[in-house]
Protein backbone atom coordinates (compact mmCIF):
# COMPACT_ATOMS: atom_id res chain seq x y z
CA MET A 1 54.20 153.85 -71.49
CA THR A 2 57.38 152.60 -70.23
CA ASP A 3 59.69 150.25 -72.44
CA GLU A 4 58.48 147.68 -70.10
CA GLU A 5 55.35 147.71 -70.06
CA LEU A 6 55.10 148.00 -74.12
CA LYS A 7 57.21 144.82 -73.97
CA GLN A 8 54.60 143.18 -71.80
CA LEU A 9 51.92 144.45 -74.19
CA ALA A 10 53.87 142.77 -77.14
CA ILE A 11 54.21 139.53 -75.30
CA THR A 12 50.58 139.51 -74.44
CA GLY A 13 49.74 140.14 -78.04
CA ASN A 14 51.73 137.25 -79.17
CA LYS A 15 50.24 134.74 -76.53
CA GLN A 16 46.78 135.79 -78.01
CA ILE A 17 47.92 135.43 -81.51
CA GLU A 18 49.64 131.82 -80.57
CA THR A 19 46.06 130.69 -78.81
CA ALA A 20 44.24 132.19 -82.05
CA ILE A 21 46.36 129.76 -84.20
CA LEU A 22 46.13 126.72 -82.16
CA GLU A 23 42.25 126.95 -81.78
CA LEU A 24 42.00 127.37 -85.47
CA LEU A 25 44.21 124.32 -86.19
CA LYS A 26 41.98 122.44 -83.47
CA ASN A 27 39.11 123.32 -85.47
CA HIS A 28 40.92 122.17 -88.93
CA PRO A 29 42.58 118.56 -87.86
CA CYS A 30 43.66 118.18 -91.37
CA GLY A 31 45.88 121.02 -91.34
CA LEU A 32 46.29 124.74 -92.60
CA SER A 33 48.90 126.25 -94.77
CA ASN A 34 50.68 129.61 -93.61
CA GLN A 35 48.28 131.24 -96.13
CA ASP A 36 45.17 129.98 -94.82
CA ILE A 37 45.85 130.79 -91.27
CA VAL A 38 46.77 134.40 -92.58
CA GLU A 39 43.47 134.54 -94.21
CA LYS A 40 41.24 133.17 -91.38
CA LEU A 41 42.75 135.43 -88.97
CA SER A 42 42.85 138.22 -91.03
CA LEU A 43 46.28 139.08 -90.34
CA SER A 44 47.58 139.70 -93.88
CA SER A 45 50.72 141.59 -94.53
CA SER A 46 50.94 144.17 -97.27
CA HIS A 47 54.11 144.27 -97.49
CA GLU A 48 55.40 143.63 -101.21
CA GLY A 49 58.47 142.11 -100.16
CA GLY A 50 59.83 138.70 -100.08
CA GLN A 51 58.64 138.26 -96.57
CA LYS A 52 54.75 138.73 -96.80
CA ASN A 53 53.00 137.16 -93.83
CA TYR A 54 56.10 136.71 -92.04
CA LEU A 55 54.52 137.29 -88.39
CA ILE A 56 52.17 134.09 -88.69
CA TYR A 57 55.20 132.24 -90.06
CA SER A 58 57.45 133.24 -87.49
CA ILE A 59 55.01 132.46 -84.66
CA LEU A 60 54.19 129.23 -86.44
CA GLY A 61 58.01 128.21 -85.88
CA ASN A 62 57.87 128.99 -82.19
CA LEU A 63 55.05 126.76 -81.59
CA MET A 64 57.02 124.21 -83.65
CA GLU A 65 59.89 124.56 -81.56
CA ALA A 66 57.61 124.21 -78.46
CA GLY A 67 56.43 120.97 -79.78
CA LEU A 68 52.87 121.99 -80.03
CA VAL A 69 52.54 122.07 -84.01
CA PHE A 70 54.23 120.35 -86.56
CA LYS A 71 54.81 120.97 -90.78
CA ASP A 72 53.28 118.34 -92.34
CA LYS A 73 55.07 118.43 -96.11
CA SER A 74 53.47 115.33 -97.57
CA ASP A 75 51.43 117.53 -100.01
CA THR A 76 52.52 120.20 -102.52
CA ARG A 77 51.35 122.91 -100.12
CA PRO A 78 52.75 122.30 -96.50
CA LYS A 79 50.26 122.31 -93.86
CA TYR A 80 50.53 122.91 -90.36
CA LYS A 81 48.73 120.57 -87.88
CA LEU A 82 48.52 120.07 -83.93
CA ILE A 83 50.92 117.49 -82.32
């Protein structure tokens, strides 16, 4: 595969994860934490450093920037919810 084909493959995969997160949050209107989302979608990172499960955290950031999701910090454990 060419670099461009690989880029398009990655973009498609990212969009599929975004869709899965949005659908999951639709099913859980009270919100879910980053860890909840990671577990429910089986996308756990085995990295032992300080950036464990960063992929979902990063995608949630993109969804917040797009105005689709917000972070509710009113509880001791922040939850992500649909706007």
